Amino acid sequence: MKDKIIVVGGYGKVGQIICKDLGELFPGKIFAAGRSYDKAKEFCLRTNGKVLPLQMDVHGNKGHEELFQEASLVVMCLDQQNPGFVERCLKEKIHYVDISASHEFLLKVKSLSSSISSIESTAVLSVGLAPGVTNVLVKHSLQYLDQIHSANIYLMLGLGEAHGRAAIEWMIDNMNTVFFVNDKGVKKQVRSFEDERKVIFPNRIGQRSAYRFNFTDQHVLPETLGIPSVSTRICFDSAIITNLIALLKKIGVLSLLHQPFFRRLVIHLFEKIKLGSEIYVAKVISEGIINEQVIHYECSVYGEKESYITGKVAAFVAKRIYEKPYPAGIFHMEELFEWEDLFDELQSFTHFEGKKDLSQ
């Protein structure tokens, strides 16, 4: 019977949150999967049998026949380069949820829509805080505007949180990148940790400097929501560290991240040194028109532990996809879900603020 939920990377930092949430709802049907059976078993023992261990390597050559025969849904918490595993899931009519932040990989997954003759299951991409919550917040802002011109996304991450190694590696690898964004409907080349903007964050944080970063949401939203200009910028809770990284980028030190030794050193420092809090903030400022007046709508979500909200958002999406039918195909999160429904799930541990202002 196809009623199992496989969480790949289920004993990792985010995967454990997803497994625990789903295990409470569907005990005995959730599998924490990964290459190490011992690690999966050690985690599952702490769930009193609600989550079960499964050894599986999605990067290997094994067929995973048992998985494809019994799984209804796969939640992917590991980075992938090749969409072959996703393609196999969709061909076997298995629903799929992915928390990947890699735009290059998500493009490969979206391209499966044209290579698979008939998709009969639902795949949801851009699931997490950014992308994910940020995408849905931008969609939420549309209801306050007759016409939208731009959406600017700002993300603050706490340096005191113990992030998983894969998340740290992705962050480091994107500190010195060149990428393209939509600016008034035209592709514009930009660079990470450049083009500073001042932004006022909620919760008495105040004004901070934020810099461009290669988050997926800014690439996806012009396509899914038809917004001419979208940008995403980042800062850390430590203004000193944020500005130091920007300075190192300006003088060319971050170009050394292409050197394996220097890259390993920086990753090690981010893993070991805790310099701040565990806060996260996602803020969206959308500009558009209502009754021929230019309007700014601002909204923010903030709380603690970015990995926790990522896991909770993924569990929310997985539960919805598992329990009731959604359109077949490959979608980004904002194409299927509304902010109001998501916030009902998140409001016990996160805060939301929104306001509308006339443009100055």
Protein backbone atom coordinates (compact mmCIF):
# COMPACT_ATOMS: atom_id res chain seq x y z
CA MET A 1 0.00 0.00 0.00
CA LYS A 2 1.40 3.41 -0.98
CA ASP A 3 0.98 5.21 2.34
CA LYS A 4 4.56 5.77 3.53
CA ILE A 5 6.31 9.15 3.89
CA ILE A 6 10.07 9.02 3.30
CA VAL A 7 12.09 11.94 4.71
CA VAL A 8 15.48 11.77 2.98
CA GLY A 9 18.04 13.22 5.35
CA GLY A 10 15.51 12.56 8.09
CA TYR A 11 18.03 12.31 10.90
CA GLY A 12 19.68 15.65 10.01
CA LYS A 13 18.98 18.97 11.71
CA VAL A 14 15.95 19.96 9.62
CA GLY A 15 14.92 16.40 8.82
CA GLN A 16 14.43 15.54 12.49
CA ILE A 17 11.98 18.42 12.89
CA ILE A 18 9.99 17.21 9.89
CA CYS A 19 10.00 13.59 11.06
CA LYS A 20 8.89 14.46 14.58
CA ASP A 21 6.01 16.61 13.34
CA LEU A 22 4.78 14.06 10.83
CA GLY A 23 5.40 11.17 13.24
CA GLU A 24 2.89 12.64 15.67
CA LEU A 25 0.28 12.83 12.91
CA PHE A 26 1.00 9.58 11.10
CA PRO A 27 2.87 7.28 13.53
CA GLY A 28 4.54 4.26 11.99
CA LYS A 29 4.27 5.64 8.46
CA ILE A 30 7.25 8.03 8.59
CA PHE A 31 10.75 6.86 7.63
CA ALA A 32 13.92 8.78 8.44
CA ALA A 33 16.11 7.84 5.48
CA GLY A 34 19.80 8.32 4.83
CA ARG A 35 23.06 6.54 4.08
CA SER A 36 23.74 5.66 7.74
CA TYR A 37 21.28 3.16 9.15
CA ASP A 38 22.87 3.52 12.60
CA LYS A 39 22.26 7.28 12.70
CA ALA A 40 18.71 6.80 11.48
CA LYS A 41 18.06 4.13 14.09
CA GLU A 42 19.57 6.22 16.89
CA PHE A 43 17.24 9.11 16.06
CA CYS A 44 14.16 6.92 15.59
CA LEU A 45 14.60 5.29 19.00
CA ARG A 46 13.89 8.71 20.52
CA THR A 47 10.50 8.86 18.76
CA ASN A 48 9.04 5.79 20.50
CA GLY A 49 8.49 4.02 17.20
CA LYS A 50 6.57 6.83 15.56
CA VAL A 51 9.40 7.27 13.05
CA LEU A 52 11.20 4.29 11.53
CA PRO A 53 14.77 4.07 10.15
CA LEU A 54 15.58 3.44 6.50
CA GLN A 55 18.98 3.13 4.84
CA MET A 56 19.00 4.76 1.43
CA ASP A 57 21.46 6.63 -0.76
CA VAL A 58 19.72 8.76 -3.36
CA HIS A 59 23.09 9.47 -4.98
CA GLY A 60 23.87 5.77 -5.44
CA ASN A 61 22.87 3.35 -8.14
CA LYS A 62 20.45 1.23 -6.15
CA GLY A 63 16.92 1.03 -7.46
CA HIS A 64 15.07 1.72 -4.19
CA GLU A 65 12.33 -0.60 -5.44
CA GLU A 66 10.71 -0.99 -2.02
CA LEU A 67 10.52 2.77 -1.64
CA PHE A 68 8.78 3.29 -4.96
CA GLN A 69 6.30 0.51 -4.25
CA GLU A 70 5.19 1.76 -0.83
CA ALA A 71 5.85 5.53 -0.70
CA SER A 72 3.13 8.10 -1.16
CA LEU A 73 5.38 11.10 -0.47
CA VAL A 74 9.10 11.92 -0.36
CA VAL A 75 10.43 14.94 1.53
CA MET A 76 13.97 15.79 0.39
CA CYS A 77 16.34 17.43 2.87
CA LEU A 78 19.60 16.73 1.02
CA ASP A 79 21.29 18.68 -1.76
CA GLN A 80 21.25 17.03 -5.17
CA GLN A 81 22.98 17.87 -8.42
CA ASN A 82 21.02 15.55 -10.70
CA PRO A 83 17.19 15.47 -10.83
CA GLY A 84 17.13 11.74 -11.63
CA PHE A 85 15.72 10.76 -8.24
CA VAL A 86 12.97 13.38 -8.53
CA GLU A 87 12.14 12.15 -12.02
CA ARG A 88 11.83 8.58 -10.75
CA CYS A 89 9.46 9.71 -7.96
CA LEU A 90 7.21 11.54 -10.40
CA LYS A 91 7.15 8.67 -12.87
CA GLU A 92 6.09 6.38 -10.00
CA LYS A 93 3.30 8.83 -9.01
CA ILE A 94 4.97 9.72 -5.71
CA HIS A 95 4.42 13.21 -4.32
CA TYR A 96 7.60 15.18 -3.71
CA VAL A 97 8.61 18.11 -1.43
CA ASP A 98 12.09 19.69 -1.60
CA ILE A 99 13.74 22.21 0.76
CA SER A 100 16.69 22.86 -1.59
CA ALA A 101 17.88 26.46 -1.91
CA SER A 102 19.84 25.82 -5.12
CA HIS A 103 18.32 27.70 -8.04
CA GLU A 104 20.33 25.66 -10.55
CA PHE A 105 18.93 22.39 -9.20
CA LEU A 106 15.35 23.68 -8.99
CA LEU A 107 15.58 24.74 -12.64
CA LYS A 108 16.52 21.17 -13.53
CA VAL A 109 13.53 19.85 -11.58
CA LYS A 110 11.14 22.31 -13.23
CA SER A 111 12.40 21.19 -16.63
CA LEU A 112 11.04 17.71 -15.91
CA SER A 113 7.59 19.10 -16.71
CA SER A 114 8.49 18.96 -20.39
CA SER A 115 10.47 15.71 -20.33
CA ILE A 116 7.89 13.55 -18.48
CA SER A 117 4.91 12.81 -20.71
CA SER A 118 2.33 12.70 -17.93
CA ILE A 119 2.80 13.78 -14.29
CA GLU A 120 0.11 12.46 -11.96
CA SER A 121 1.61 13.49 -8.60
CA THR A 122 2.44 16.85 -6.98
CA ALA A 123 5.95 18.22 -6.49
CA VAL A 124 6.47 21.32 -4.35
CA LEU A 125 9.74 23.28 -4.51
CA SER A 126 10.97 26.40 -2.66
CA VAL A 127 9.94 25.09 0.76
CA GLY A 128 11.49 26.64 3.87
CA LEU A 129 12.22 30.17 5.08
CA ALA A 130 14.02 31.56 2.02
CA PRO A 131 12.87 30.36 -0.38
CA GLY A 132 9.46 29.46 1.00
CA VAL A 133 8.07 31.86 3.57
CA THR A 134 9.54 34.76 1.58
CA ASN A 135 7.76 33.60 -1.59
CA VAL A 136 4.42 33.33 0.17
CA LEU A 137 4.87 36.73 1.88
CA VAL A 138 5.40 38.37 -1.50
CA LYS A 139 2.25 36.68 -2.77
CA HIS A 140 0.44 37.92 0.37
CA SER A 141 1.43 41.51 -0.44
CA LEU A 142 -0.33 41.33 -3.82
CA GLN A 143 -3.75 41.54 -2.17
CA TYR A 144 -2.93 45.07 -0.98
CA LEU A 145 -1.95 46.36 -4.44
CA ASP A 146 -3.86 46.71 -7.69
CA GLN A 147 -0.60 46.52 -9.61
CA ILE A 148 2.85 45.55 -8.29
CA HIS A 149 6.09 47.01 -9.60
CA SER A 150 8.72 45.51 -7.34
CA ALA A 151 9.33 43.27 -4.34
CA ASN A 152 12.44 43.61 -2.20
CA ILE A 153 13.18 40.78 0.23
CA TYR A 154 15.45 41.18 3.24
CA LEU A 155 16.69 38.32 5.36
CA MET A 156 18.48 38.49 8.71
CA LEU A 157 20.05 35.31 10.07
CA GLY A 158 21.46 34.77 13.55
CA LEU A 159 25.08 33.64 13.73
CA GLY A 160 24.46 31.94 17.06
CA GLU A 161 22.44 29.11 15.54
CA ALA A 162 24.16 25.78 14.92
CA HIS A 163 23.44 25.24 11.23
CA GLY A 164 24.02 21.95 9.43
CA ARG A 165 27.19 21.62 7.36
CA ALA A 166 25.36 21.57 4.02
CA ALA A 167 23.62 24.87 4.84
CA ILE A 168 26.93 26.48 5.83
CA GLU A 169 28.64 25.22 2.66
CA TRP A 170 25.84 26.65 0.50
CA MET A 171 26.13 30.01 2.26
CA ILE A 172 29.92 30.15 1.88
CA ASP A 173 29.81 29.06 -1.76
CA ASN A 174 27.41 31.91 -2.58
CA MET A 175 29.32 34.72 -0.87
CA ASN A 176 31.37 35.50 -3.98
CA THR A 177 29.04 34.75 -6.88
CA VAL A 178 27.77 36.62 -9.92
CA PHE A 179 24.12 36.12 -10.84
CA PHE A 180 21.25 37.71 -12.72
CA VAL A 181 18.04 39.25 -11.35
CA ASN A 182 14.95 40.76 -12.92
CA ASP A 183 15.07 44.56 -12.81
CA LYS A 184 12.06 46.22 -14.47
CA GLY A 185 11.58 43.11 -16.56
CA VAL A 186 15.18 43.02 -17.81
CA LYS A 187 17.92 40.65 -16.68
CA LYS A 188 20.59 42.51 -14.68
CA GLN A 189 23.94 41.11 -13.56
CA VAL A 190 24.68 41.56 -9.85
CA ARG A 191 27.17 40.26 -7.29
CA SER A 192 26.77 38.79 -3.83
CA PHE A 193 27.53 41.05 -0.88
CA GLU A 194 27.41 44.21 -2.97
CA ASP A 195 24.76 46.90 -3.64
CA GLU A 196 24.07 47.78 0.01
CA ARG A 197 20.62 48.88 1.12
CA LYS A 198 19.51 50.16 4.50
CA VAL A 199 16.44 48.46 5.94
CA ILE A 200 14.59 48.81 9.22
CA PHE A 201 13.85 45.43 10.79
CA PRO A 202 11.02 44.83 13.31
CA ASN A 203 11.19 43.66 16.92
CA ARG A 204 13.27 46.70 17.97
CA ILE A 205 16.20 45.53 15.83
CA GLY A 206 16.35 48.82 13.96
CA GLN A 207 18.22 49.81 10.83
CA ARG A 208 20.79 47.49 9.26
CA SER A 209 22.76 47.25 6.05
CA ALA A 210 21.79 44.33 3.80
CA TYR A 211 23.56 43.07 0.67
CA ARG A 212 22.54 41.10 -2.40
CA PHE A 213 22.63 37.34 -2.12
CA ASN A 214 21.76 34.54 -4.53
CA PHE A 215 18.56 33.24 -2.94
CA THR A 216 16.19 31.35 -5.21
CA ASP A 217 13.06 33.37 -4.42
CA GLN A 218 14.20 36.39 -6.48
CA HIS A 219 14.63 34.16 -9.54
CA VAL A 220 11.31 32.36 -9.17
CA LEU A 221 8.86 35.14 -8.28
CA PRO A 222 9.05 37.10 -11.55
CA GLU A 223 7.89 33.92 -13.28
CA THR A 224 5.28 32.66 -10.82
CA LEU A 225 3.78 36.02 -9.78
CA GLY A 226 4.68 38.21 -12.77
CA ILE A 227 6.62 40.83 -10.79
CA PRO A 228 8.96 42.97 -12.95
CA SER A 229 11.64 43.57 -10.28
CA VAL A 230 12.59 41.25 -7.40
CA SER A 231 15.68 41.33 -5.21
CA THR A 232 16.85 39.47 -2.11
CA ARG A 233 19.40 40.82 0.35
CA ILE A 234 20.96 39.36 3.46
CA CYS A 235 22.55 40.48 6.70
CA PHE A 236 23.48 38.79 9.95
CA ASP A 237 22.39 39.71 13.45
CA SER A 238 25.93 40.95 14.03
CA ALA A 239 26.27 44.19 12.06
CA ILE A 240 30.04 44.00 12.56
CA ILE A 241 30.27 40.61 10.84
CA THR A 242 27.94 41.66 8.03
CA ASN A 243 29.98 44.76 7.27
CA LEU A 244 33.25 42.84 7.63
CA ILE A 245 32.15 40.32 4.99
CA ALA A 246 31.12 43.19 2.70
CA LEU A 247 34.54 44.79 3.21
CA LEU A 248 36.36 41.52 2.51
CA LYS A 249 34.32 41.20 -0.66
CA LYS A 250 35.19 44.76 -1.71
CA ILE A 251 38.94 44.28 -1.32
CA GLY A 252 38.91 40.88 -3.01
CA VAL A 253 39.59 38.56 -0.08
CA LEU A 254 36.42 36.50 -0.71
CA SER A 255 37.80 35.47 -4.10
CA LEU A 256 40.01 33.11 -2.09
CA LEU A 257 36.91 31.01 -1.34
CA HIS A 258 37.64 29.23 -4.62
CA GLN A 259 40.77 27.84 -2.97
CA PRO A 260 39.90 24.53 -1.19
CA PHE A 261 42.03 25.24 1.91
CA PHE A 262 40.58 28.72 2.46
CA ARG A 263 37.03 27.47 1.83
CA ARG A 264 37.45 24.66 4.39
CA LEU A 265 38.85 27.15 6.91
CA VAL A 266 35.90 29.53 6.56
CA ILE A 267 33.38 26.67 6.79
CA HIS A 268 35.12 25.45 9.95
CA LEU A 269 34.94 28.93 11.49
CA PHE A 270 31.22 29.22 10.77
CA GLU A 271 30.66 25.76 12.28
CA LYS A 272 32.61 26.37 15.47
CA ILE A 273 32.30 30.06 16.32
CA LYS A 274 28.94 31.32 17.61
CA LEU A 275 28.96 35.10 17.43
CA GLY A 276 25.34 36.08 17.80
CA SER A 277 21.80 34.98 18.54
CA GLU A 278 19.48 32.43 16.92
CA ILE A 279 17.13 35.04 15.47
CA TYR A 280 15.76 35.07 11.94
CA VAL A 281 13.81 37.82 10.21
CA ALA A 282 12.26 37.79 6.74
CA LYS A 283 10.97 41.14 5.54
CA VAL A 284 9.25 42.00 2.26
CA ILE A 285 8.73 45.53 0.91
CA SER A 286 6.49 45.56 -2.14
CA GLU A 287 5.77 48.65 -4.22
CA GLY A 288 2.76 49.08 -6.46
CA ILE A 289 -0.31 51.15 -7.24
CA ILE A 290 -3.77 51.45 -5.72
CA ASN A 291 -6.21 53.99 -7.21
CA GLU A 292 -3.36 55.64 -9.11
CA GLN A 293 -1.36 56.17 -5.92
CA VAL A 294 2.03 54.56 -5.32
CA ILE A 295 1.84 52.33 -2.24
CA HIS A 296 4.42 50.43 -0.21
CA TYR A 297 3.29 47.33 1.63
CA GLU A 298 5.70 45.93 4.21
CA CYS A 299 5.42 42.65 6.09
CA SER A 300 7.82 40.74 8.31
CA VAL A 301 8.12 37.37 10.00
CA TYR A 302 10.57 36.83 12.84
CA GLY A 303 11.42 34.26 15.45
CA GLU A 304 14.28 32.02 16.54
CA LYS A 305 16.03 29.08 14.84
CA GLU A 306 15.92 29.27 11.06
CA SER A 307 16.30 25.50 10.83
CA TYR A 308 13.22 25.06 13.01
CA ILE A 309 10.92 27.18 10.86
CA THR A 310 12.30 25.50 7.73
CA GLY A 311 11.37 22.11 9.16
CA LYS A 312 7.94 23.27 10.29
CA VAL A 313 7.15 24.78 6.88
CA ALA A 314 8.21 21.55 5.17
CA ALA A 315 6.06 19.51 7.57
CA PHE A 316 3.09 21.80 6.83
CA VAL A 317 3.46 21.30 3.07
CA ALA A 318 4.01 17.53 3.44
CA LYS A 319 0.90 17.15 5.60
CA ARG A 320 -1.25 19.05 3.11
CA ILE A 321 0.04 17.12 0.10
CA TYR A 322 -0.36 13.80 1.91
CA GLU A 323 -3.89 14.40 3.20
CA LYS A 324 -5.71 15.89 0.23
CA PRO A 325 -5.34 16.16 -3.54
CA TYR A 326 -3.52 19.08 -5.13
CA PRO A 327 -3.01 19.75 -8.83
CA ALA A 328 -0.59 17.38 -10.52
CA GLY A 329 2.66 18.94 -11.68
CA ILE A 330 5.76 20.73 -10.41
CA PHE A 331 5.12 23.90 -8.42
CA HIS A 332 6.85 26.44 -6.25
CA MET A 333 5.32 26.87 -2.81
CA GLU A 334 3.56 30.19 -3.52
CA GLU A 335 1.67 28.61 -6.42
CA LEU A 336 -0.28 26.30 -4.10
CA PHE A 337 -0.41 27.89 -0.65
CA GLU A 338 -1.64 31.09 0.99
CA TRP A 339 0.06 33.02 3.80
CA GLU A 340 -3.01 32.87 6.03
CA ASP A 341 -3.04 29.06 6.02
CA LEU A 342 0.70 28.84 6.58
CA PHE A 343 0.66 31.36 9.43
CA ASP A 344 -2.04 29.36 11.22
CA GLU A 345 0.56 26.61 11.43
CA LEU A 346 3.46 28.87 12.42
CA GLN A 347 1.94 31.47 14.73
CA SER A 348 2.72 29.64 17.98
CA PHE A 349 6.47 30.20 17.51
CA THR A 350 6.83 33.08 15.03
CA HIS A 351 5.58 36.66 14.77
CA PHE A 352 4.06 38.56 11.87
CA GLU A 353 3.76 42.29 11.20
CA GLY A 354 2.31 44.06 8.19
CA LYS A 355 1.55 47.66 7.22
CA LYS A 356 0.66 49.74 4.14
CA ASP A 357 2.08 53.22 3.49
CA LEU A 358 1.81 55.90 0.83
CA SER A 359 5.09 56.31 -1.02
CA GLN A 360 7.12 59.29 0.12
